[in-house]
Amino acid sequence: MAAHRNRLRDNMIEDNGTNGSAAGTRIRGETDGLVFENNVIRDTRPSEKQSKSWSAD
């Protein structure tokens, strides 16, 4: 099962994750037809508590 042909539009993903590194958005495996449009993915916590914002495995 894969995340083919999904759309993520006009979203705010902020300060995702609590312990260690975490992705605000993670894409795993082989996928096609994904649309990411007009999104804000960010971490506003102090730098020592931030986690990565984006991951594509």
PDB file of N, CA and C in Angstrom:
ATOM      1  N   MET A   1       0.853  -1.169   0.000  1.00  0.00           N
ATOM      2  CA  MET A   1       0.000   0.000   0.000  1.00  0.00           C
ATOM      3  C   MET A   1       0.899   1.233   0.000  1.00  0.00           C
ATOM      4  N   ALA A   2       0.604   2.171  -0.858  1.00  0.00           N
ATOM      5  CA  ALA A   2       1.406   3.394  -0.957  1.00  0.00           C
ATOM      6  C   ALA A   2       0.485   4.609  -1.025  1.00  0.00           C
ATOM      7  N   ALA A   3       1.082   5.765  -0.855  1.00  0.00           N
ATOM      8  CA  ALA A   3       0.319   7.023  -0.795  1.00  0.00           C
ATOM      9  C   ALA A   3       0.243   7.697  -2.158  1.00  0.00           C
ATOM     10  N   HIS A   4      -0.125   6.956  -3.185  1.00  0.00           N
ATOM     11  CA  HIS A   4      -0.210   7.532  -4.526  1.00  0.00           C
ATOM     12  C   HIS A   4      -1.360   8.541  -4.621  1.00  0.00           C
ATOM     13  N   ARG A   5      -1.129   9.592  -5.432  1.00  0.00           N
ATOM     14  CA  ARG A   5      -2.151  10.570  -5.806  1.00  0.00           C
ATOM     15  C   ARG A   5      -2.827  11.259  -4.611  1.00  0.00           C
ATOM     16  N   ASN A   6      -2.071  11.602  -3.611  1.00  0.00           N
ATOM     17  CA  ASN A   6      -2.596  12.359  -2.475  1.00  0.00           C
ATOM     18  C   ASN A   6      -2.224  13.823  -2.615  1.00  0.00           C
ATOM     19  N   ARG A   7      -3.035  14.683  -2.018  1.00  0.00           N
ATOM     20  CA  ARG A   7      -2.795  16.127  -2.062  1.00  0.00           C
ATOM     21  C   ARG A   7      -2.789  16.682  -0.653  1.00  0.00           C
ATOM     22  N   LEU A   8      -1.799  17.500  -0.397  1.00  0.00           N
ATOM     23  CA  LEU A   8      -1.703  18.202   0.873  1.00  0.00           C
ATOM     24  C   LEU A   8      -1.605  19.674   0.526  1.00  0.00           C
ATOM     25  N   ARG A   9      -2.678  20.417   0.782  1.00  0.00           N
ATOM     26  CA  ARG A   9      -2.749  21.827   0.374  1.00  0.00           C
ATOM     27  C   ARG A   9      -3.225  22.705   1.521  1.00  0.00           C
ATOM     28  N   ASP A  10      -2.618  23.904   1.582  1.00  0.00           N
ATOM     29  CA  ASP A  10      -3.065  24.953   2.506  1.00  0.00           C
ATOM     30  C   ASP A  10      -3.091  24.487   3.963  1.00  0.00           C
ATOM     31  N   ASN A  11      -1.986  23.907   4.412  1.00  0.00           N
ATOM     32  CA  ASN A  11      -1.891  23.400   5.784  1.00  0.00           C
ATOM     33  C   ASN A  11      -0.779  24.093   6.554  1.00  0.00           C
ATOM     34  N   MET A  12      -0.916  24.071   7.868  1.00  0.00           N
ATOM     35  CA  MET A  12       0.135  24.508   8.780  1.00  0.00           C
ATOM     36  C   MET A  12       0.502  23.288   9.622  1.00  0.00           C
ATOM     37  N   ILE A  13       1.745  22.824   9.488  1.00  0.00           N
ATOM     38  CA  ILE A  13       2.267  21.745  10.314  1.00  0.00           C
ATOM     39  C   ILE A  13       3.376  22.381  11.133  1.00  0.00           C
ATOM     40  N   GLU A  14       3.140  22.498  12.433  1.00  0.00           N
ATOM     41  CA  GLU A  14       4.044  23.281  13.283  1.00  0.00           C
ATOM     42  C   GLU A  14       4.398  22.515  14.549  1.00  0.00           C
ATOM     43  N   ASP A  15       5.691  22.527  14.887  1.00  0.00           N
ATOM     44  CA  ASP A  15       6.195  21.955  16.138  1.00  0.00           C
ATOM     45  C   ASP A  15       5.796  20.491  16.298  1.00  0.00           C
ATOM     46  N   ASN A  16       5.904  19.720  15.233  1.00  0.00           N
ATOM     47  CA  ASN A  16       5.535  18.312  15.250  1.00  0.00           C
ATOM     48  C   ASN A  16       6.619  17.490  15.932  1.00  0.00           C
ATOM     49  N   GLY A  17       6.216  16.505  16.700  1.00  0.00           N
ATOM     50  CA  GLY A  17       7.154  15.631  17.394  1.00  0.00           C
ATOM     51  C   GLY A  17       7.472  16.153  18.780  1.00  0.00           C
ATOM     52  N   THR A  18       7.766  15.231  19.701  1.00  0.00           N
ATOM     53  CA  THR A  18       8.038  15.644  21.073  1.00  0.00           C
ATOM     54  C   THR A  18       9.390  15.171  21.586  1.00  0.00           C
ATOM     55  N   ASN A  19       9.823  13.983  21.226  1.00  0.00           N
ATOM     56  CA  ASN A  19      11.087  13.434  21.732  1.00  0.00           C
ATOM     57  C   ASN A  19      12.001  13.069  20.574  1.00  0.00           C
ATOM     58  N   GLY A  20      13.151  13.707  20.498  1.00  0.00           N
ATOM     59  CA  GLY A  20      14.107  13.387  19.451  1.00  0.00           C
ATOM     60  C   GLY A  20      13.661  13.900  18.094  1.00  0.00           C
ATOM     61  N   SER A  21      14.334  13.421  17.071  1.00  0.00           N
ATOM     62  CA  SER A  21      14.028  13.857  15.706  1.00  0.00           C
ATOM     63  C   SER A  21      12.682  13.314  15.254  1.00  0.00           C
ATOM     64  N   ALA A  22      11.945  14.143  14.583  1.00  0.00           N
ATOM     65  CA  ALA A  22      10.654  13.743  14.026  1.00  0.00           C
ATOM     66  C   ALA A  22      10.413  14.568  12.783  1.00  0.00           C
ATOM     67  N   ALA A  23       9.636  14.039  11.879  1.00  0.00           N
ATOM     68  CA  ALA A  23       9.343  14.760  10.641  1.00  0.00           C
ATOM     69  C   ALA A  23       7.966  15.388  10.717  1.00  0.00           C
ATOM     70  N   GLY A  24       7.855  16.629  10.284  1.00  0.00           N
ATOM     71  CA  GLY A  24       6.543  17.250  10.150  1.00  0.00           C
ATOM     72  C   GLY A  24       5.746  16.542   9.078  1.00  0.00           C
ATOM     73  N   THR A  25       6.437  16.098   8.062  1.00  0.00           N
ATOM     74  CA  THR A  25       5.856  15.307   6.979  1.00  0.00           C
ATOM     75  C   THR A  25       6.865  14.241   6.601  1.00  0.00           C
ATOM     76  N   ARG A  26       6.421  13.016   6.447  1.00  0.00           N
ATOM     77  CA  ARG A  26       7.320  11.927   6.056  1.00  0.00           C
ATOM     78  C   ARG A  26       6.695  11.147   4.905  1.00  0.00           C
ATOM     79  N   ILE A  27       7.479  10.948   3.876  1.00  0.00           N
ATOM     80  CA  ILE A  27       7.066  10.129   2.735  1.00  0.00           C
ATOM     81  C   ILE A  27       7.976   8.917   2.725  1.00  0.00           C
ATOM     82  N   ARG A  28       7.398   7.735   2.812  1.00  0.00           N
ATOM     83  CA  ARG A  28       8.199   6.514   2.841  1.00  0.00           C
ATOM     84  C   ARG A  28       7.796   5.613   1.687  1.00  0.00           C
ATOM     85  N   GLY A  29       8.768   4.950   1.149  1.00  0.00           N
ATOM     86  CA  GLY A  29       8.500   3.999   0.082  1.00  0.00           C
ATOM     87  C   GLY A  29       8.348   4.681  -1.266  1.00  0.00           C
ATOM     88  N   GLU A  30       7.969   3.901  -2.235  1.00  0.00           N
ATOM     89  CA  GLU A  30       7.822   4.393  -3.605  1.00  0.00           C
ATOM     90  C   GLU A  30       6.411   4.937  -3.806  1.00  0.00           C
ATOM     91  N   THR A  31       6.302   6.204  -4.131  1.00  0.00           N
ATOM     92  CA  THR A  31       5.003   6.845  -4.340  1.00  0.00           C
ATOM     93  C   THR A  31       5.054   7.694  -5.601  1.00  0.00           C
ATOM     94  N   ASP A  32       3.884   7.989  -6.149  1.00  0.00           N
ATOM     95  CA  ASP A  32       3.831   8.904  -7.290  1.00  0.00           C
ATOM     96  C   ASP A  32       2.564   9.733  -7.228  1.00  0.00           C
ATOM     97  N   GLY A  33       2.599  10.868  -7.896  1.00  0.00           N
ATOM     98  CA  GLY A  33       1.433  11.735  -7.988  1.00  0.00           C
ATOM     99  C   GLY A  33       1.117  12.520  -6.724  1.00  0.00           C
ATOM    100  N   LEU A  34       2.098  12.719  -5.845  1.00  0.00           N
ATOM    101  CA  LEU A  34       1.848  13.508  -4.637  1.00  0.00           C
ATOM    102  C   LEU A  34       1.908  14.992  -4.961  1.00  0.00           C
ATOM    103  N   VAL A  35       1.014  15.763  -4.340  1.00  0.00           N
ATOM    104  CA  VAL A  35       1.000  17.212  -4.526  1.00  0.00           C
ATOM    105  C   VAL A  35       1.106  17.859  -3.151  1.00  0.00           C
ATOM    106  N   PHE A  36       2.156  18.652  -2.958  1.00  0.00           N
ATOM    107  CA  PHE A  36       2.318  19.482  -1.765  1.00  0.00           C
ATOM    108  C   PHE A  36       2.271  20.915  -2.245  1.00  0.00           C
ATOM    109  N   GLU A  37       1.245  21.656  -1.815  1.00  0.00           N
ATOM    110  CA  GLU A  37       1.046  22.994  -2.357  1.00  0.00           C
ATOM    111  C   GLU A  37       0.604  23.958  -1.262  1.00  0.00           C
ATOM    112  N   ASN A  38       1.301  25.077  -1.164  1.00  0.00           N
ATOM    113  CA  ASN A  38       0.932  26.163  -0.257  1.00  0.00           C
ATOM    114  C   ASN A  38       0.827  25.700   1.202  1.00  0.00           C
ATOM    115  N   ASN A  39       1.818  24.933   1.646  1.00  0.00           N
ATOM    116  CA  ASN A  39       1.875  24.462   3.026  1.00  0.00           C
ATOM    117  C   ASN A  39       2.994  25.174   3.764  1.00  0.00           C
ATOM    118  N   VAL A  40       2.845  25.276   5.067  1.00  0.00           N
ATOM    119  CA  VAL A  40       3.915  25.767   5.925  1.00  0.00           C
ATOM    120  C   VAL A  40       4.271  24.619   6.862  1.00  0.00           C
ATOM    121  N   ILE A  41       5.537  24.186   6.814  1.00  0.00           N
ATOM    122  CA  ILE A  41       6.030  23.133   7.697  1.00  0.00           C
ATOM    123  C   ILE A  41       7.196  23.747   8.454  1.00  0.00           C
ATOM    124  N   ARG A  42       7.033  23.918   9.766  1.00  0.00           N
ATOM    125  CA  ARG A  42       8.069  24.623  10.518  1.00  0.00           C
ATOM    126  C   ARG A  42       8.134  24.153  11.964  1.00  0.00           C
ATOM    127  N   ASP A  43       9.226  24.501  12.584  1.00  0.00           N
ATOM    128  CA  ASP A  43       9.448  24.218  13.995  1.00  0.00           C
ATOM    129  C   ASP A  43       9.850  25.527  14.658  1.00  0.00           C
ATOM    130  N   THR A  44       9.026  26.025  15.546  1.00  0.00           N
ATOM    131  CA  THR A  44       9.259  27.329  16.170  1.00  0.00           C
ATOM    132  C   THR A  44       9.864  27.220  17.568  1.00  0.00           C
ATOM    133  N   ARG A  45      10.143  25.997  18.015  1.00  0.00           N
ATOM    134  CA  ARG A  45      10.718  25.812  19.349  1.00  0.00           C
ATOM    135  C   ARG A  45      12.180  26.261  19.372  1.00  0.00           C
ATOM    136  N   PRO A  46      12.754  26.454  20.563  1.00  0.00           N
ATOM    137  CA  PRO A  46      14.181  26.782  20.643  1.00  0.00           C
ATOM    138  C   PRO A  46      15.009  25.721  19.917  1.00  0.00           C
ATOM    139  N   SER A  47      16.142  26.110  19.360  1.00  0.00           N
ATOM    140  CA  SER A  47      16.920  25.216  18.494  1.00  0.00           C
ATOM    141  C   SER A  47      17.264  23.887  19.156  1.00  0.00           C
ATOM    142  N   GLU A  48      17.527  23.852  20.443  1.00  0.00           N
ATOM    143  CA  GLU A  48      17.882  22.589  21.102  1.00  0.00           C
ATOM    144  C   GLU A  48      16.697  21.628  21.217  1.00  0.00           C
ATOM    145  N   LYS A  49      15.485  22.111  21.003  1.00  0.00           N
ATOM    146  CA  LYS A  49      14.297  21.257  21.081  1.00  0.00           C
ATOM    147  C   LYS A  49      13.657  21.000  19.722  1.00  0.00           C
ATOM    148  N   GLN A  50      14.229  21.570  18.674  1.00  0.00           N
ATOM    149  CA  GLN A  50      13.645  21.401  17.345  1.00  0.00           C
ATOM    150  C   GLN A  50      13.918  20.015  16.791  1.00  0.00           C
ATOM    151  N   SER A  51      13.027  19.595  15.907  1.00  0.00           N
ATOM    152  CA  SER A  51      13.238  18.363  15.156  1.00  0.00           C
ATOM    153  C   SER A  51      13.209  18.721  13.680  1.00  0.00           C
ATOM    154  N   LYS A  52      13.653  17.824  12.831  1.00  0.00           N
ATOM    155  CA  LYS A  52      13.663  18.138  11.404  1.00  0.00           C
ATOM    156  C   LYS A  52      12.247  18.325  10.899  1.00  0.00           C
ATOM    157  N   SER A  53      12.100  19.065   9.823  1.00  0.00           N
ATOM    158  CA  SER A  53      10.776  19.411   9.315  1.00  0.00           C
ATOM    159  C   SER A  53      10.305  18.533   8.172  1.00  0.00           C
ATOM    160  N   TRP A  54      11.224  17.878   7.483  1.00  0.00           N
ATOM    161  CA  TRP A  54      10.843  17.190   6.255  1.00  0.00           C
ATOM    162  C   TRP A  54      11.652  15.922   6.118  1.00  0.00           C
ATOM    163  N   SER A  55      11.023  14.843   5.671  1.00  0.00           N
ATOM    164  CA  SER A  55      11.755  13.599   5.450  1.00  0.00           C
ATOM    165  C   SER A  55      11.158  12.863   4.271  1.00  0.00           C
ATOM    166  N   ALA A  56      11.998  12.417   3.378  1.00  0.00           N
ATOM    167  CA  ALA A  56      11.573  11.554   2.272  1.00  0.00           C
ATOM    168  C   ALA A  56      12.513  10.365   2.257  1.00  0.00           C
ATOM    169  N   ASP A  57      11.999   9.200   2.637  1.00  0.00           N
ATOM    170  CA  ASP A  57      12.815   7.979   2.703  1.00  0.00           C
ATOM    171  C   ASP A  57      12.617   7.131   1.462  1.00  0.00           C
TER     172      ASP A  57
END
